[in-house]
Amino acid sequence: MAKVFVREPEVLKEYPFCKSTMWSQIREGKFPKPIKIGPRAVAWLREELDRHAEELIKASRGGES
């Protein structure tokens, strides 16, 4: 299956927090790390973002699926 890369603006549309909060969570290991795709560009793997969202949902519902 092809890997889908998501750039920062799209990530920030999907997650309801500001850019600085996202980068703080990355440093703390609470959000998926980006992948360097160029000298000054990063992106996230769609599958990692989706998995992270599922984990957040599960945790907020007390471990229910």
PDB file of N, CA and C in Angstrom:
ATOM      1  N   MET A   1       0.838  -1.173   0.000  1.00  0.00           N
ATOM      2  CA  MET A   1       0.000   0.000   0.000  1.00  0.00           C
ATOM      3  C   MET A   1       0.892   1.248   0.000  1.00  0.00           C
ATOM      4  N   ALA A   2       0.522   2.238  -0.752  1.00  0.00           N
ATOM      5  CA  ALA A   2       1.300   3.474  -0.853  1.00  0.00           C
ATOM      6  C   ALA A   2       1.195   4.268   0.441  1.00  0.00           C
ATOM      7  N   LYS A   3       2.288   4.896   0.811  1.00  0.00           N
ATOM      8  CA  LYS A   3       2.311   5.749   1.999  1.00  0.00           C
ATOM      9  C   LYS A   3       1.783   7.127   1.620  1.00  0.00           C
ATOM     10  N   VAL A   4       0.945   7.678   2.477  1.00  0.00           N
ATOM     11  CA  VAL A   4       0.379   8.995   2.240  1.00  0.00           C
ATOM     12  C   VAL A   4       1.003   9.961   3.241  1.00  0.00           C
ATOM     13  N   PHE A   5       1.588  11.031   2.723  1.00  0.00           N
ATOM     14  CA  PHE A   5       2.207  12.040   3.564  1.00  0.00           C
ATOM     15  C   PHE A   5       1.262  13.215   3.730  1.00  0.00           C
ATOM     16  N   VAL A   6       1.218  13.752   4.945  1.00  0.00           N
ATOM     17  CA  VAL A   6       0.344  14.875   5.266  1.00  0.00           C
ATOM     18  C   VAL A   6       1.220  16.021   5.772  1.00  0.00           C
ATOM     19  N   ARG A   7       1.061  17.178   5.171  1.00  0.00           N
ATOM     20  CA  ARG A   7       1.857  18.340   5.573  1.00  0.00           C
ATOM     21  C   ARG A   7       1.210  19.042   6.764  1.00  0.00           C
ATOM     22  N   GLU A   8       1.972  19.899   7.402  1.00  0.00           N
ATOM     23  CA  GLU A   8       1.551  20.552   8.636  1.00  0.00           C
ATOM     24  C   GLU A   8       0.200  21.282   8.570  1.00  0.00           C
ATOM     25  N   PRO A   9      -0.087  22.077   7.547  1.00  0.00           N
ATOM     26  CA  PRO A   9      -1.384  22.769   7.531  1.00  0.00           C
ATOM     27  C   PRO A   9      -2.577  21.809   7.610  1.00  0.00           C
ATOM     28  N   GLU A  10      -2.481  20.676   6.927  1.00  0.00           N
ATOM     29  CA  GLU A  10      -3.572  19.698   6.962  1.00  0.00           C
ATOM     30  C   GLU A  10      -3.674  19.042   8.338  1.00  0.00           C
ATOM     31  N   VAL A  11      -2.526  18.754   8.950  1.00  0.00           N
ATOM     32  CA  VAL A  11      -2.531  18.171  10.297  1.00  0.00           C
ATOM     33  C   VAL A  11      -3.229  19.126  11.256  1.00  0.00           C
ATOM     34  N   LEU A  12      -2.907  20.403  11.161  1.00  0.00           N
ATOM     35  CA  LEU A  12      -3.497  21.388  12.071  1.00  0.00           C
ATOM     36  C   LEU A  12      -4.991  21.606  11.812  1.00  0.00           C
ATOM     37  N   LYS A  13      -5.473  21.289  10.629  1.00  0.00           N
ATOM     38  CA  LYS A  13      -6.912  21.338  10.363  1.00  0.00           C
ATOM     39  C   LYS A  13      -7.626  20.172  11.041  1.00  0.00           C
ATOM     40  N   GLU A  14      -6.932  19.038  11.149  1.00  0.00           N
ATOM     41  CA  GLU A  14      -7.531  17.837  11.707  1.00  0.00           C
ATOM     42  C   GLU A  14      -7.491  17.780  13.231  1.00  0.00           C
ATOM     43  N   TYR A  15      -6.490  18.427  13.830  1.00  0.00           N
ATOM     44  CA  TYR A  15      -6.334  18.393  15.285  1.00  0.00           C
ATOM     45  C   TYR A  15      -6.616  19.779  15.841  1.00  0.00           C
ATOM     46  N   PRO A  16      -7.471  19.877  16.856  1.00  0.00           N
ATOM     47  CA  PRO A  16      -7.917  21.178  17.371  1.00  0.00           C
ATOM     48  C   PRO A  16      -6.944  21.836  18.349  1.00  0.00           C
ATOM     49  N   PHE A  17      -5.700  21.998  17.941  1.00  0.00           N
ATOM     50  CA  PHE A  17      -4.772  22.751  18.763  1.00  0.00           C
ATOM     51  C   PHE A  17      -3.855  23.586  17.879  1.00  0.00           C
ATOM     52  N   CYS A  18      -3.132  24.505  18.517  1.00  0.00           N
ATOM     53  CA  CYS A  18      -2.268  25.403  17.748  1.00  0.00           C
ATOM     54  C   CYS A  18      -0.936  24.733  17.434  1.00  0.00           C
ATOM     55  N   LYS A  19      -0.199  25.357  16.559  1.00  0.00           N
ATOM     56  CA  LYS A  19       1.078  24.834  16.086  1.00  0.00           C
ATOM     57  C   LYS A  19       2.062  24.597  17.235  1.00  0.00           C
ATOM     58  N   SER A  20       2.167  25.550  18.171  1.00  0.00           N
ATOM     59  CA  SER A  20       3.119  25.400  19.276  1.00  0.00           C
ATOM     60  C   SER A  20       2.747  24.230  20.185  1.00  0.00           C
ATOM     61  N   THR A  21       1.460  24.008  20.388  1.00  0.00           N
ATOM     62  CA  THR A  21       1.018  22.863  21.197  1.00  0.00           C
ATOM     63  C   THR A  21       1.375  21.561  20.501  1.00  0.00           C
ATOM     64  N   MET A  22       1.177  21.505  19.196  1.00  0.00           N
ATOM     65  CA  MET A  22       1.515  20.298  18.448  1.00  0.00           C
ATOM     66  C   MET A  22       3.001  19.978  18.596  1.00  0.00           C
ATOM     67  N   TRP A  23       3.856  20.989  18.423  1.00  0.00           N
ATOM     68  CA  TRP A  23       5.297  20.742  18.511  1.00  0.00           C
ATOM     69  C   TRP A  23       5.716  20.395  19.931  1.00  0.00           C
ATOM     70  N   SER A  24       5.058  20.956  20.930  1.00  0.00           N
ATOM     71  CA  SER A  24       5.341  20.571  22.324  1.00  0.00           C
ATOM     72  C   SER A  24       4.987  19.109  22.556  1.00  0.00           C
ATOM     73  N   GLN A  25       3.831  18.697  22.035  1.00  0.00           N
ATOM     74  CA  GLN A  25       3.414  17.299  22.190  1.00  0.00           C
ATOM     75  C   GLN A  25       4.358  16.353  21.454  1.00  0.00           C
ATOM     76  N   ILE A  26       4.898  16.772  20.336  1.00  0.00           N
ATOM     77  CA  ILE A  26       5.878  15.952  19.606  1.00  0.00           C
ATOM     78  C   ILE A  26       7.129  15.771  20.474  1.00  0.00           C
ATOM     79  N   ARG A  27       7.622  16.869  21.044  1.00  0.00           N
ATOM     80  CA  ARG A  27       8.813  16.794  21.905  1.00  0.00           C
ATOM     81  C   ARG A  27       8.580  15.898  23.121  1.00  0.00           C
ATOM     82  N   GLU A  28       7.354  15.902  23.647  1.00  0.00           N
ATOM     83  CA  GLU A  28       7.010  15.102  24.823  1.00  0.00           C
ATOM     84  C   GLU A  28       6.660  13.655  24.468  1.00  0.00           C
ATOM     85  N   GLY A  29       6.644  13.332  23.179  1.00  0.00           N
ATOM     86  CA  GLY A  29       6.317  11.976  22.756  1.00  0.00           C
ATOM     87  C   GLY A  29       4.828  11.663  22.795  1.00  0.00           C
ATOM     88  N   LYS A  30       3.992  12.705  22.789  1.00  0.00           N
ATOM     89  CA  LYS A  30       2.541  12.528  22.862  1.00  0.00           C
ATOM     90  C   LYS A  30       1.854  12.659  21.501  1.00  0.00           C
ATOM     91  N   PHE A  31       2.620  12.934  20.471  1.00  0.00           N
ATOM     92  CA  PHE A  31       2.077  13.105  19.120  1.00  0.00           C
ATOM     93  C   PHE A  31       3.082  12.498  18.154  1.00  0.00           C
ATOM     94  N   PRO A  32       2.618  11.910  17.052  1.00  0.00           N
ATOM     95  CA  PRO A  32       3.546  11.289  16.096  1.00  0.00           C
ATOM     96  C   PRO A  32       4.612  12.264  15.600  1.00  0.00           C
ATOM     97  N   LYS A  33       5.819  11.760  15.454  1.00  0.00           N
ATOM     98  CA  LYS A  33       6.917  12.571  14.944  1.00  0.00           C
ATOM     99  C   LYS A  33       6.808  12.706  13.425  1.00  0.00           C
ATOM    100  N   PRO A  34       7.165  13.870  12.918  1.00  0.00           N
ATOM    101  CA  PRO A  34       7.151  14.052  11.465  1.00  0.00           C
ATOM    102  C   PRO A  34       8.359  13.375  10.822  1.00  0.00           C
ATOM    103  N   ILE A  35       8.287  13.240   9.519  1.00  0.00           N
ATOM    104  CA  ILE A  35       9.369  12.668   8.716  1.00  0.00           C
ATOM    105  C   ILE A  35       9.930  13.794   7.852  1.00  0.00           C
ATOM    106  N   LYS A  36      11.230  13.902   7.817  1.00  0.00           N
ATOM    107  CA  LYS A  36      11.871  14.933   6.994  1.00  0.00           C
ATOM    108  C   LYS A  36      11.770  14.495   5.526  1.00  0.00           C
ATOM    109  N   ILE A  37      11.131  15.337   4.718  1.00  0.00           N
ATOM    110  CA  ILE A  37      10.955  15.000   3.301  1.00  0.00           C
ATOM    111  C   ILE A  37      11.748  15.926   2.383  1.00  0.00           C
ATOM    112  N   GLY A  38      12.447  16.864   2.970  1.00  0.00           N
ATOM    113  CA  GLY A  38      13.273  17.793   2.201  1.00  0.00           C
ATOM    114  C   GLY A  38      14.113  18.609   3.160  1.00  0.00           C
ATOM    115  N   PRO A  39      14.969  19.472   2.632  1.00  0.00           N
ATOM    116  CA  PRO A  39      15.850  20.264   3.498  1.00  0.00           C
ATOM    117  C   PRO A  39      15.094  21.107   4.528  1.00  0.00           C
ATOM    118  N   ARG A  40      13.921  21.609   4.149  1.00  0.00           N
ATOM    119  CA  ARG A  40      13.139  22.454   5.051  1.00  0.00           C
ATOM    120  C   ARG A  40      11.685  22.017   5.113  1.00  0.00           C
ATOM    121  N   ALA A  41      11.431  20.751   4.869  1.00  0.00           N
ATOM    122  CA  ALA A  41      10.048  20.274   4.830  1.00  0.00           C
ATOM    123  C   ALA A  41       9.882  18.974   5.610  1.00  0.00           C
ATOM    124  N   VAL A  42       8.780  18.902   6.346  1.00  0.00           N
ATOM    125  CA  VAL A  42       8.435  17.679   7.057  1.00  0.00           C
ATOM    126  C   VAL A  42       6.986  17.314   6.733  1.00  0.00           C
ATOM    127  N   ALA A  43       6.661  16.055   6.982  1.00  0.00           N
ATOM    128  CA  ALA A  43       5.294  15.576   6.783  1.00  0.00           C
ATOM    129  C   ALA A  43       5.071  14.420   7.750  1.00  0.00           C
ATOM    130  N   TRP A  44       3.817  14.087   7.933  1.00  0.00           N
ATOM    131  CA  TRP A  44       3.437  12.975   8.801  1.00  0.00           C
ATOM    132  C   TRP A  44       2.838  11.876   7.948  1.00  0.00           C
ATOM    133  N   LEU A  45       2.982  10.645   8.405  1.00  0.00           N
ATOM    134  CA  LEU A  45       2.347   9.524   7.717  1.00  0.00           C
ATOM    135  C   LEU A  45       0.881   9.461   8.126  1.00  0.00           C
ATOM    136  N   ARG A  46       0.003   9.386   7.149  1.00  0.00           N
ATOM    137  CA  ARG A  46      -1.437   9.328   7.396  1.00  0.00           C
ATOM    138  C   ARG A  46      -1.777   8.199   8.364  1.00  0.00           C
ATOM    139  N   GLU A  47      -1.185   7.012   8.160  1.00  0.00           N
ATOM    140  CA  GLU A  47      -1.516   5.867   9.009  1.00  0.00           C
ATOM    141  C   GLU A  47      -1.131   6.116  10.466  1.00  0.00           C
ATOM    142  N   GLU A  48      -0.037   6.831  10.723  1.00  0.00           N
ATOM    143  CA  GLU A  48       0.353   7.143  12.105  1.00  0.00           C
ATOM    144  C   GLU A  48      -0.604   8.147  12.731  1.00  0.00           C
ATOM    145  N   LEU A  49      -1.057   9.132  11.953  1.00  0.00           N
ATOM    146  CA  LEU A  49      -2.035  10.099  12.456  1.00  0.00           C
ATOM    147  C   LEU A  49      -3.362   9.412  12.763  1.00  0.00           C
ATOM    148  N   ASP A  50      -3.785   8.529  11.877  1.00  0.00           N
ATOM    149  CA  ASP A  50      -5.043   7.802  12.100  1.00  0.00           C
ATOM    150  C   ASP A  50      -4.966   6.915  13.337  1.00  0.00           C
ATOM    151  N   ARG A  51      -3.834   6.238  13.516  1.00  0.00           N
ATOM    152  CA  ARG A  51      -3.643   5.376  14.682  1.00  0.00           C
ATOM    153  C   ARG A  51      -3.650   6.210  15.971  1.00  0.00           C
ATOM    154  N   HIS A  52      -3.000   7.367  15.918  1.00  0.00           N
ATOM    155  CA  HIS A  52      -2.963   8.261  17.076  1.00  0.00           C
ATOM    156  C   HIS A  52      -4.380   8.734  17.429  1.00  0.00           C
ATOM    157  N   ALA A  53      -5.159   9.106  16.428  1.00  0.00           N
ATOM    158  CA  ALA A  53      -6.537   9.551  16.660  1.00  0.00           C
ATOM    159  C   ALA A  53      -7.357   8.433  17.302  1.00  0.00           C
ATOM    160  N   GLU A  54      -7.202   7.208  16.812  1.00  0.00           N
ATOM    161  CA  GLU A  54      -7.926   6.066  17.388  1.00  0.00           C
ATOM    162  C   GLU A  54      -7.539   5.850  18.854  1.00  0.00           C
ATOM    163  N   GLU A  55      -6.252   6.008  19.163  1.00  0.00           N
ATOM    164  CA  GLU A  55      -5.788   5.860  20.550  1.00  0.00           C
ATOM    165  C   GLU A  55      -6.388   6.939  21.444  1.00  0.00           C
ATOM    166  N   LEU A  56      -6.476   8.174  20.951  1.00  0.00           N
ATOM    167  CA  LEU A  56      -7.086   9.256  21.720  1.00  0.00           C
ATOM    168  C   LEU A  56      -8.555   8.972  22.000  1.00  0.00           C
ATOM    169  N   ILE A  57      -9.254   8.499  20.984  1.00  0.00           N
ATOM    170  CA  ILE A  57     -10.670   8.188  21.136  1.00  0.00           C
ATOM    171  C   ILE A  57     -10.854   7.072  22.154  1.00  0.00           C
ATOM    172  N   LYS A  58     -10.068   6.031  22.019  1.00  0.00           N
ATOM    173  CA  LYS A  58     -10.155   4.892  22.933  1.00  0.00           C
ATOM    174  C   LYS A  58      -9.864   5.321  24.374  1.00  0.00           C
ATOM    175  N   ALA A  59      -8.833   6.117  24.576  1.00  0.00           N
ATOM    176  CA  ALA A  59      -8.461   6.582  25.911  1.00  0.00           C
ATOM    177  C   ALA A  59      -9.545   7.468  26.516  1.00  0.00           C
ATOM    178  N   SER A  60     -10.161   8.295  25.694  1.00  0.00           N
ATOM    179  CA  SER A  60     -11.196   9.211  26.208  1.00  0.00           C
ATOM    180  C   SER A  60     -12.480   8.481  26.576  1.00  0.00           C
ATOM    181  N   ARG A  61     -12.648   7.293  26.068  1.00  0.00           N
ATOM    182  CA  ARG A  61     -13.843   6.496  26.349  1.00  0.00           C
ATOM    183  C   ARG A  61     -13.556   5.360  27.326  1.00  0.00           C
ATOM    184  N   GLY A  62     -12.487   5.498  28.057  1.00  0.00           N
ATOM    185  CA  GLY A  62     -12.164   4.511  29.077  1.00  0.00           C
ATOM    186  C   GLY A  62     -11.697   3.182  28.534  1.00  0.00           C
ATOM    187  N   GLY A  63     -11.087   3.186  27.348  1.00  0.00           N
ATOM    188  CA  GLY A  63     -10.559   1.951  26.776  1.00  0.00           C
ATOM    189  C   GLY A  63     -11.530   1.203  25.899  1.00  0.00           C
ATOM    190  N   GLU A  64     -12.745   1.728  25.726  1.00  0.00           N
ATOM    191  CA  GLU A  64     -13.722   1.074  24.839  1.00  0.00           C
ATOM    192  C   GLU A  64     -13.318   1.265  23.389  1.00  0.00           C
ATOM    193  N   SER A  65     -13.709   0.375  22.528  1.00  0.00           N
ATOM    194  CA  SER A  65     -13.435   0.526  21.090  1.00  0.00           C
ATOM    195  C   SER A  65     -14.490   1.352  20.416  1.00  0.00           C
TER     196      SER A  65
END
